[in-house]
Amino acid sequence: MKKIVVINNKIKKFNVDTINIIGDKSISIRFIIFASLSNGKCIAKNILKSEDVLSVIKIIRKLGIKIKLKKNYCEVYGKGLNGYKFRKNLILDAGNSGTTARLICAALINSNHNIKITGDESLKKRDMQRIIDPLKKFGLKFKSKNGKLPLIIKGSNSLKSIKYFEKLGSAQCKSAVMISSLFVPGKTFLKCLPSRNHTEIMFKNVLKIPIKVKSKKNFDYIEIDGKKKFSSFNYNIPGDISSASFFIVLTLLSKNLNLKIKNINVNPSRIGIIKILNSMGGKIKFSNKKIYNGENIADLKITSSKNLNSINLNPSLNSSAIDEFLLIFLVASLSKGVSTFRNLGELNKKESKRLDWGYKILKMIGIKVLKIKNNGIKIWGNPKLKLNKTFIIKDYLKDHRIFMLSVIIALTLGGKWIIHDSDSFKTSFPSFLDTIKKLGGKFN
């Protein structure tokens, strides 16, 4: 039976003024993979226990690596770069996680048997050709229909380093190449459009991999010296900015509210939403700033914002806010003036076609919105918008961000909201509804 959440009331006040957010998903997945390739026991505190992270844990266990998942921490007993056990007829299921599917392919570069990689129905619709092409250059062999899951992968005995030009601004593609580079002799070179840089930071500051990174003329140039073993390590994973963003927007769009969100990863490649919302008149400040293992960590202080303005967004900020654009569209719909966003085709390659869904939901709530060329969208803001109708959200491929966006709209604008597939948020943020309830949000 499909689960449904019903929300009838806006949130008028918060029961608490400070919250903590679960561990960063991008770092949690990378921790599991890198720890499994290290030499020794690795421990992570505050690891995210979402369905995506549980998927990568199941995969690594199937590859013969011992993992203990405790209440407050996770232990991974790495066996080095050649530590995986490759059995015949092995099937690895990435669930809904594109990061897991793409990065685990890179870690199978020395497999001596065919391995099948699959996922759920949503993941099977997502593009895998973007990592198949560069990984083939290393020597991996693939069988795939239309460049999508399920696919068959087999390693090679004649691996070689490569030069790779990453043109999509995809951290997953870049990271896949970087992981494969660990297994091959010589230097691997990458030229990349800017994207999340957690892998580079972990290579340099945690794994101590020989790596050089330079930024020049809107590209990142990366050089990695391969065939380098690395020791075990520990990691205290900070809070996830993507998960925190739902509560940032809930606070901004509500009346007379303040909220502190503690210990959030504010990596410059991830805080596009904060730069964008503050440029629109939002009130989001950093406090208690520090550096941990090369990552920027801070508490966020958010205050309700009465006067929000439209924005003509420079596409150079797209990659640093790619997972938060549904929320940015919502803020634009309640701001003064007309907002314009371009070059967002990558949104339609996520768990669902998010650009299309953003357009659909804004029209549903009565916002004037127009699709424009170059995968863009134009939004006519209405700061006085109030809702009193019934809205039904369903058939969205269980995209966790569409579910959570719908909850935020209901709590800020009112109306009656009937949201199907209410367990979808567990993909990335299993404590989402608990946090809503803690703040004072009401739902059935």
Protein backbone atom coordinates (compact mmCIF):
# COMPACT_ATOMS: atom_id res chain seq x y z
CA MET A 1 0.00 0.00 0.00
CA LYS A 2 1.31 3.46 -0.90
CA LYS A 3 1.85 5.76 2.04
CA ILE A 4 0.33 9.23 1.98
CA VAL A 5 0.99 12.36 4.04
CA VAL A 6 -1.78 14.94 4.46
CA ILE A 7 -1.00 18.51 5.56
CA ASN A 8 -3.80 20.98 6.35
CA ASN A 9 -2.08 23.76 8.28
CA LYS A 10 0.75 26.22 7.83
CA ILE A 11 3.49 26.34 10.45
CA LYS A 12 3.13 29.51 12.56
CA LYS A 13 5.93 29.14 15.07
CA PHE A 14 8.87 26.87 15.83
CA ASN A 15 8.93 24.81 19.01
CA VAL A 16 12.75 24.91 19.04
CA ASP A 17 15.24 27.45 17.72
CA THR A 18 18.12 25.06 16.96
CA ILE A 19 18.29 21.80 15.02
CA ASN A 20 20.94 19.33 13.88
CA ILE A 21 20.94 17.80 10.41
CA ILE A 22 22.01 14.27 9.49
CA GLY A 23 25.40 13.55 7.92
CA ASP A 24 26.30 14.73 4.43
CA LYS A 25 25.20 12.13 1.86
CA SER A 26 27.98 12.79 -0.64
CA ILE A 27 30.68 12.37 2.01
CA SER A 28 28.96 9.37 3.63
CA ILE A 29 28.95 7.42 0.35
CA ARG A 30 32.54 8.38 -0.40
CA PHE A 31 33.61 7.39 3.11
CA ILE A 32 32.24 3.86 2.66
CA ILE A 33 33.93 3.36 -0.72
CA PHE A 34 37.29 4.90 0.24
CA ALA A 35 37.35 3.13 3.61
CA SER A 36 36.79 -0.21 1.88
CA LEU A 37 39.84 0.46 -0.33
CA SER A 38 42.07 1.55 2.57
CA ASN A 39 44.38 -0.68 4.61
CA GLY A 40 42.77 -1.16 8.04
CA LYS A 41 39.79 -0.18 10.16
CA CYS A 42 38.08 3.15 9.44
CA ILE A 43 35.48 4.78 11.71
CA ALA A 44 32.91 7.43 10.75
CA LYS A 45 30.72 9.32 13.20
CA ASN A 46 27.40 10.90 12.16
CA ILE A 47 27.23 8.83 9.00
CA LEU A 48 23.97 9.20 7.10
CA LYS A 49 21.79 6.09 7.42
CA SER A 50 19.59 6.78 4.44
CA GLU A 51 18.54 4.23 1.82
CA ASP A 52 21.21 5.53 -0.57
CA VAL A 53 24.00 4.98 1.96
CA LEU A 54 22.59 1.60 3.00
CA SER A 55 22.72 0.60 -0.68
CA VAL A 56 26.45 1.27 -0.91
CA ILE A 57 27.03 -0.57 2.39
CA LYS A 58 25.23 -3.66 1.03
CA ILE A 59 27.31 -3.52 -2.14
CA ILE A 60 30.63 -3.25 -0.30
CA ARG A 61 29.65 -6.13 1.97
CA LYS A 62 28.88 -8.24 -1.11
CA LEU A 63 32.41 -7.50 -2.26
CA GLY A 64 33.77 -9.15 0.87
CA ILE A 65 34.42 -6.12 3.09
CA LYS A 66 33.33 -6.22 6.73
CA ILE A 67 31.20 -3.25 7.84
CA LYS A 68 29.68 -2.68 11.28
CA LEU A 69 26.88 -0.12 11.43
CA LYS A 70 26.37 1.05 15.03
CA LYS A 71 23.95 3.58 16.50
CA ASN A 72 26.38 6.50 16.50
CA TYR A 73 29.15 5.37 14.16
CA CYS A 74 30.19 3.03 11.37
CA GLU A 75 33.26 0.77 11.11
CA VAL A 76 34.70 -0.37 7.77
CA TYR A 77 37.53 -2.91 7.66
CA GLY A 78 39.39 -2.04 4.47
CA LYS A 79 41.54 -4.57 2.63
CA GLY A 80 43.36 -2.28 0.22
CA LEU A 81 43.02 -1.61 -3.49
CA ASN A 82 43.01 -5.33 -4.30
CA GLY A 83 40.82 -6.40 -1.39
CA TYR A 84 37.46 -6.96 -3.08
CA LYS A 85 36.29 -10.53 -3.69
CA PHE A 86 34.84 -10.92 -7.16
CA ARG A 87 32.50 -13.90 -7.38
CA LYS A 88 30.89 -15.24 -10.53
CA ASN A 89 27.34 -14.07 -11.28
CA LEU A 90 27.65 -11.20 -8.79
CA ILE A 91 24.78 -8.68 -8.87
CA LEU A 92 25.19 -5.31 -7.14
CA ASP A 93 22.02 -3.25 -6.56
CA ALA A 94 22.50 0.52 -6.12
CA GLY A 95 18.84 1.12 -5.27
CA ASN A 96 18.01 4.75 -6.06
CA SER A 97 21.55 6.09 -5.71
CA GLY A 98 23.18 7.47 -8.85
CA THR A 99 26.31 8.33 -6.88
CA THR A 100 26.65 4.74 -5.69
CA ALA A 101 26.06 3.23 -9.15
CA ARG A 102 28.57 5.47 -10.88
CA LEU A 103 31.30 5.42 -8.25
CA ILE A 104 31.16 1.68 -7.60
CA CYS A 105 31.75 0.97 -11.31
CA ALA A 106 35.04 2.83 -10.99
CA ALA A 107 36.08 0.74 -7.99
CA LEU A 108 35.54 -2.51 -9.95
CA ILE A 109 38.32 -1.71 -12.39
CA ASN A 110 40.35 -4.84 -11.54
CA SER A 111 37.45 -7.32 -11.38
CA ASN A 112 38.19 -10.67 -13.04
CA HIS A 113 34.52 -11.66 -13.54
CA ASN A 114 31.51 -10.05 -15.14
CA ILE A 115 29.56 -8.06 -12.53
CA LYS A 116 26.01 -6.84 -13.02
CA ILE A 117 25.13 -3.36 -11.72
CA THR A 118 21.43 -2.56 -11.36
CA GLY A 119 19.08 -0.28 -9.45
CA ASP A 120 15.43 0.63 -8.92
CA GLU A 121 13.09 1.73 -11.72
CA SER A 122 14.02 5.40 -11.29
CA LEU A 123 17.76 4.75 -11.41
CA LYS A 124 17.36 2.55 -14.50
CA LYS A 125 16.20 5.64 -16.41
CA ARG A 126 19.30 7.68 -15.57
CA ASP A 127 22.30 8.12 -17.83
CA MET A 128 25.27 5.83 -17.21
CA GLN A 129 26.97 6.47 -20.55
CA ARG A 130 28.60 9.52 -18.98
CA ILE A 131 30.81 7.23 -16.87
CA ILE A 132 30.97 4.29 -19.27
CA ASP A 133 32.85 6.35 -21.87
CA PRO A 134 35.74 7.54 -19.66
CA LEU A 135 36.04 4.27 -17.74
CA LYS A 136 36.37 2.35 -21.02
CA LYS A 137 39.49 4.40 -21.71
CA PHE A 138 41.13 2.88 -18.61
CA GLY A 139 40.45 -0.59 -20.05
CA LEU A 140 37.15 -1.57 -18.41
CA LYS A 141 34.62 -3.50 -20.48
CA PHE A 142 30.89 -2.71 -20.43
CA LYS A 143 27.69 -4.17 -21.78
CA SER A 144 24.71 -1.85 -21.55
CA LYS A 145 21.50 -1.14 -23.43
CA ASN A 146 21.21 2.54 -24.32
CA GLY A 147 23.85 3.48 -21.75
CA LYS A 148 21.58 2.73 -18.78
CA LEU A 149 21.22 0.17 -16.01
CA PRO A 150 21.36 -2.73 -15.76
CA LEU A 151 24.88 -3.02 -17.12
CA ILE A 152 27.63 -5.63 -17.08
CA ILE A 153 31.16 -4.57 -16.17
CA LYS A 154 34.46 -6.44 -16.24
CA GLY A 155 37.93 -5.25 -15.35
CA SER A 156 41.12 -5.64 -17.31
CA ASN A 157 44.69 -6.86 -16.85
CA SER A 158 46.01 -4.10 -19.09
CA LEU A 159 44.86 -0.93 -17.38
CA LYS A 160 46.31 2.44 -18.37
CA SER A 161 46.10 6.01 -17.14
CA ILE A 162 44.09 8.49 -19.21
CA LYS A 163 43.41 12.13 -20.00
CA TYR A 164 39.76 13.07 -19.51
CA PHE A 165 37.74 16.19 -20.37
CA GLU A 166 34.64 16.39 -18.14
CA LYS A 167 32.12 18.65 -19.93
CA LEU A 168 28.96 18.21 -17.82
CA GLY A 169 29.98 19.75 -14.49
CA SER A 170 29.26 16.37 -12.89
CA ALA A 171 31.03 15.52 -9.64
CA GLN A 172 30.01 11.88 -10.10
CA CYS A 173 31.75 11.58 -13.49
CA LYS A 174 34.84 13.34 -12.19
CA SER A 175 34.93 11.20 -9.04
CA ALA A 176 34.50 7.96 -11.01
CA VAL A 177 37.58 8.77 -13.07
CA MET A 178 39.51 9.77 -9.96
CA ILE A 179 38.67 6.48 -8.19
CA SER A 180 39.75 4.41 -11.19
CA SER A 181 42.99 6.38 -11.36
CA LEU A 182 43.98 4.92 -7.98
CA PHE A 183 44.35 1.46 -9.55
CA VAL A 184 46.50 2.32 -12.56
CA PRO A 185 50.19 3.22 -12.87
CA GLY A 186 51.24 6.65 -14.05
CA LYS A 187 49.46 9.97 -13.98
CA THR A 188 45.80 10.55 -14.79
CA PHE A 189 44.85 14.03 -15.97
CA LEU A 190 41.40 15.64 -15.79
CA LYS A 191 40.06 18.90 -17.18
CA CYS A 192 36.65 19.55 -15.60
CA LEU A 193 33.88 22.05 -15.44
CA PRO A 194 33.51 23.13 -11.79
CA SER A 195 31.45 20.80 -9.57
CA ARG A 196 31.44 19.45 -6.02
CA ASN A 197 35.00 18.81 -4.92
CA HIS A 198 34.60 16.41 -1.97
CA THR A 199 36.63 13.73 -3.74
CA GLU A 200 39.58 16.06 -4.36
CA ILE A 201 39.48 17.23 -0.75
CA MET A 202 39.37 13.68 0.63
CA PHE A 203 42.19 12.54 -1.69
CA LYS A 204 44.43 15.36 -0.46
CA ASN A 205 43.51 15.81 3.20
CA VAL A 206 42.28 12.37 4.31
CA LEU A 207 43.76 9.71 2.03
CA LYS A 208 47.01 11.63 1.35
CA ILE A 209 46.91 10.67 -2.33
CA PRO A 210 49.40 12.58 -4.52
CA ILE A 211 47.07 15.03 -6.28
CA LYS A 212 47.40 18.47 -7.86
CA VAL A 213 44.39 20.72 -8.45
CA LYS A 214 44.47 24.05 -10.29
CA SER A 215 41.64 26.32 -11.44
CA LYS A 216 42.11 28.29 -14.65
CA LYS A 217 39.67 30.00 -17.01
CA ASN A 218 36.52 28.34 -15.63
CA PHE A 219 38.02 24.84 -15.57
CA ASP A 220 39.58 22.69 -12.89
CA TYR A 221 42.75 20.81 -13.83
CA ILE A 222 43.48 17.69 -11.77
CA GLU A 223 46.54 15.45 -11.82
CA ILE A 224 46.62 12.17 -9.85
CA ASP A 225 49.59 9.88 -9.37
CA GLY A 226 48.16 6.33 -9.39
CA LYS A 227 49.05 3.02 -7.77
CA LYS A 228 49.34 4.57 -4.30
CA LYS A 229 48.10 2.62 -1.28
CA PHE A 230 46.53 4.57 1.59
CA SER A 231 46.08 3.92 5.29
CA SER A 232 42.90 3.67 7.34
CA PHE A 233 41.31 6.90 8.55
CA ASN A 234 38.50 8.27 10.73
CA TYR A 235 35.92 10.89 9.80
CA ASN A 236 33.33 12.94 11.72
CA ILE A 237 30.82 13.65 8.95
CA PRO A 238 29.26 17.16 9.02
CA GLY A 239 25.61 17.95 8.34
CA ASP A 240 24.25 17.95 4.78
CA ILE A 241 23.63 21.38 3.20
CA SER A 242 21.11 19.87 0.75
CA SER A 243 19.02 18.53 3.64
CA ALA A 244 19.43 21.77 5.61
CA SER A 245 18.14 23.75 2.62
CA PHE A 246 14.55 22.65 3.18
CA PHE A 247 14.60 24.22 6.64
CA ILE A 248 16.43 27.30 5.38
CA VAL A 249 13.59 27.94 2.92
CA LEU A 250 10.89 27.02 5.47
CA THR A 251 12.30 29.71 7.80
CA LEU A 252 12.80 32.35 5.10
CA LEU A 253 9.25 32.04 3.78
CA SER A 254 7.48 31.89 7.17
CA LYS A 255 6.68 34.92 9.30
CA ASN A 256 8.79 36.15 12.23
CA LEU A 257 10.85 33.00 12.69
CA ASN A 258 14.51 32.35 13.46
CA LEU A 259 16.45 29.10 13.24
CA LYS A 260 20.00 27.88 13.82
CA ILE A 261 21.21 24.76 12.01
CA LYS A 262 24.40 23.41 13.55
CA ASN A 263 27.58 21.92 12.07
CA ILE A 264 26.78 22.09 8.35
CA ASN A 265 29.22 21.40 5.52
CA VAL A 266 29.48 24.78 3.75
CA ASN A 267 31.97 23.67 1.11
CA PRO A 268 32.09 26.53 -1.46
CA SER A 269 31.09 24.10 -4.22
CA ARG A 270 27.86 23.30 -2.34
CA ILE A 271 26.54 26.65 -1.07
CA GLY A 272 25.11 28.04 -4.28
CA ILE A 273 21.65 28.10 -2.69
CA ILE A 274 22.89 30.34 0.12
CA LYS A 275 24.58 32.76 -2.30
CA ILE A 276 21.47 32.82 -4.49
CA LEU A 277 18.95 33.30 -1.67
CA ASN A 278 21.03 35.99 0.05
CA SER A 279 21.32 37.87 -3.25
CA MET A 280 17.49 37.75 -3.40
CA GLY A 281 17.21 39.35 0.03
CA GLY A 282 17.39 36.26 2.23
CA LYS A 283 18.91 36.47 5.68
CA ILE A 284 21.31 33.54 6.07
CA LYS A 285 24.52 33.96 8.05
CA PHE A 286 27.45 31.73 8.99
CA SER A 287 28.76 31.43 12.55
CA ASN A 288 31.25 29.22 14.39
CA LYS A 289 33.23 28.66 11.18
CA LYS A 290 36.04 26.09 11.07
CA ILE A 291 37.99 23.83 8.74
CA TYR A 292 37.78 20.04 9.19
CA ASN A 293 39.74 17.68 6.91
CA GLY A 294 39.79 20.40 4.27
CA GLU A 295 36.02 20.99 4.41
CA ASN A 296 34.42 24.25 5.55
CA ILE A 297 32.02 23.73 8.47
CA ALA A 298 29.70 26.32 10.07
CA ASP A 299 26.45 26.89 11.90
CA LEU A 300 23.73 28.58 9.84
CA LYS A 301 21.53 31.34 11.25
CA ILE A 302 18.34 31.99 9.27
CA THR A 303 15.76 34.77 9.77
CA SER A 304 12.39 35.15 8.04
CA SER A 305 12.69 37.50 5.07
CA LYS A 306 9.81 39.84 4.23
CA ASN A 307 11.24 41.47 1.12
CA LEU A 308 12.56 38.94 -1.36
CA ASN A 309 13.53 40.06 -4.85
CA SER A 310 13.70 38.30 -8.21
CA ILE A 311 16.97 37.17 -9.78
CA ASN A 312 18.40 36.73 -13.26
CA LEU A 313 20.72 33.92 -12.31
CA ASN A 314 24.18 33.58 -13.81
CA PRO A 315 24.43 29.91 -14.91
CA SER A 316 27.93 29.75 -13.38
CA LEU A 317 26.16 29.16 -10.04
CA ASN A 318 24.10 26.22 -11.33
CA SER A 319 26.49 23.42 -10.39
CA SER A 320 26.83 24.60 -6.79
CA ALA A 321 23.04 24.52 -6.30
CA ILE A 322 21.97 21.74 -8.64
CA ASP A 323 20.11 19.72 -5.98
CA GLU A 324 18.36 22.76 -4.51
CA PHE A 325 16.76 24.37 -7.56
CA LEU A 326 13.23 23.20 -6.73
CA LEU A 327 13.52 25.19 -3.49
CA ILE A 328 15.03 28.18 -5.32
CA PHE A 329 12.09 28.10 -7.77
CA LEU A 330 9.73 28.22 -4.79
CA VAL A 331 11.48 31.27 -3.33
CA ALA A 332 11.42 32.96 -6.75
CA SER A 333 7.67 32.33 -6.98
CA LEU A 334 7.15 34.38 -3.78
CA SER A 335 9.59 37.19 -4.66
CA LYS A 336 8.97 40.58 -6.27
CA GLY A 337 9.57 40.63 -10.01
CA VAL A 338 10.47 38.09 -12.67
CA SER A 339 13.23 35.53 -12.10
CA THR A 340 15.10 33.81 -14.93
CA PHE A 341 17.14 30.56 -14.79
CA ARG A 342 19.02 29.00 -17.72
CA ASN A 343 21.08 25.93 -18.67
CA LEU A 344 19.28 23.58 -16.26
CA GLY A 345 19.03 20.52 -18.51
CA GLU A 346 20.89 18.52 -15.86
CA LEU A 347 17.80 18.79 -13.62
CA ASN A 348 15.87 16.53 -15.99
CA LYS A 349 18.54 13.84 -15.58
CA LYS A 350 17.98 13.44 -11.85
CA GLU A 351 15.69 10.95 -10.04
CA SER A 352 12.78 12.55 -11.85
CA LYS A 353 12.60 15.30 -14.48
CA ARG A 354 12.95 18.02 -11.87
CA LEU A 355 12.87 20.97 -14.23
CA ASP A 356 9.56 19.72 -15.61
CA TRP A 357 8.24 19.01 -12.12
CA GLY A 358 9.24 22.46 -10.87
CA TYR A 359 7.29 23.99 -13.76
CA LYS A 360 4.31 21.72 -13.09
CA ILE A 361 4.11 22.43 -9.35
CA LEU A 362 4.45 26.20 -9.76
CA LYS A 363 1.61 26.22 -12.32
CA MET A 364 -0.43 24.06 -9.98
CA ILE A 365 -0.21 26.64 -7.17
CA GLY A 366 -1.11 29.53 -9.49
CA ILE A 367 2.29 30.98 -10.37
CA LYS A 368 2.88 32.34 -13.87
CA VAL A 369 5.81 30.37 -15.23
CA LEU A 370 7.30 29.86 -18.69
CA LYS A 371 9.81 27.39 -20.12
CA ILE A 372 12.42 29.21 -22.20
CA LYS A 373 15.23 28.13 -24.52
CA ASN A 374 18.49 26.64 -23.24
CA ASN A 375 16.64 24.48 -20.70
CA GLY A 376 15.53 27.56 -18.81
CA ILE A 377 12.56 28.73 -16.82
CA LYS A 378 11.07 32.17 -16.13
CA ILE A 379 9.02 32.74 -12.97
CA TRP A 380 6.73 35.70 -12.23
CA GLY A 381 6.80 36.09 -8.46
CA ASN A 382 3.69 36.73 -6.32
CA PRO A 383 4.66 37.70 -2.74
CA LYS A 384 0.98 37.77 -1.71
CA LEU A 385 0.23 34.20 -2.78
CA LYS A 386 -1.95 32.21 -0.39
CA LEU A 387 -3.39 28.77 -1.00
CA ASN A 388 -6.76 27.36 0.06
CA LYS A 389 -7.36 24.57 -2.47
CA THR A 390 -6.54 20.86 -2.33
CA PHE A 391 -3.33 19.78 -4.05
CA ILE A 392 -2.35 16.20 -4.86
CA ILE A 393 1.26 15.21 -5.55
CA LYS A 394 1.81 11.73 -7.00
CA ASP A 395 3.50 9.77 -9.80
CA TYR A 396 6.81 11.59 -9.35
CA LEU A 397 9.03 8.46 -9.41
CA LYS A 398 9.40 8.69 -5.62
CA ASP A 399 11.84 11.59 -6.01
CA HIS A 400 12.71 12.48 -2.42
CA ARG A 401 13.26 16.16 -3.20
CA ILE A 402 9.80 16.57 -4.76
CA PHE A 403 8.21 15.04 -1.67
CA MET A 404 10.13 17.30 0.70
CA LEU A 405 9.50 20.39 -1.48
CA SER A 406 5.75 19.67 -1.35
CA VAL A 407 5.87 19.50 2.45
CA ILE A 408 7.65 22.89 2.61
CA ILE A 409 5.09 24.49 0.25
CA ALA A 410 2.23 23.16 2.38
CA LEU A 411 3.74 24.46 5.62
CA THR A 412 4.48 27.93 4.21
CA LEU A 413 1.54 28.63 1.87
CA GLY A 414 -1.34 26.61 3.27
CA GLY A 415 -4.06 24.69 1.47
CA LYS A 416 -4.67 20.98 1.84
CA TRP A 417 -1.85 18.83 0.50
CA ILE A 418 -2.13 15.11 -0.18
CA ILE A 419 1.36 13.81 -0.94
CA HIS A 420 1.77 10.22 -2.11
CA ASP A 421 4.82 7.94 -1.64
CA SER A 422 5.57 9.53 1.70
CA ASP A 423 8.45 7.16 2.42
CA SER A 424 10.43 8.52 -0.54
CA PHE A 425 12.35 10.97 1.66
CA LYS A 426 14.16 8.05 3.30
CA THR A 427 16.40 7.91 0.24
CA SER A 428 18.36 10.90 1.50
CA PHE A 429 16.87 12.26 4.74
CA PRO A 430 15.24 9.58 6.93
CA SER A 431 14.68 12.00 9.83
CA PHE A 432 12.99 14.69 7.67
CA LEU A 433 9.45 14.30 9.00
CA ASP A 434 10.75 13.85 12.56
CA THR A 435 12.54 17.21 12.23
CA ILE A 436 9.38 18.82 10.80
CA LYS A 437 7.45 17.50 13.78
CA LYS A 438 10.12 18.71 16.21
CA LEU A 439 9.79 22.24 14.81
CA GLY A 440 6.01 22.16 15.17
CA GLY A 441 4.78 21.12 11.75
CA LYS A 442 1.56 19.10 11.79
CA PHE A 443 0.65 16.32 9.38
CA ASN A 444 -1.30 13.08 9.16
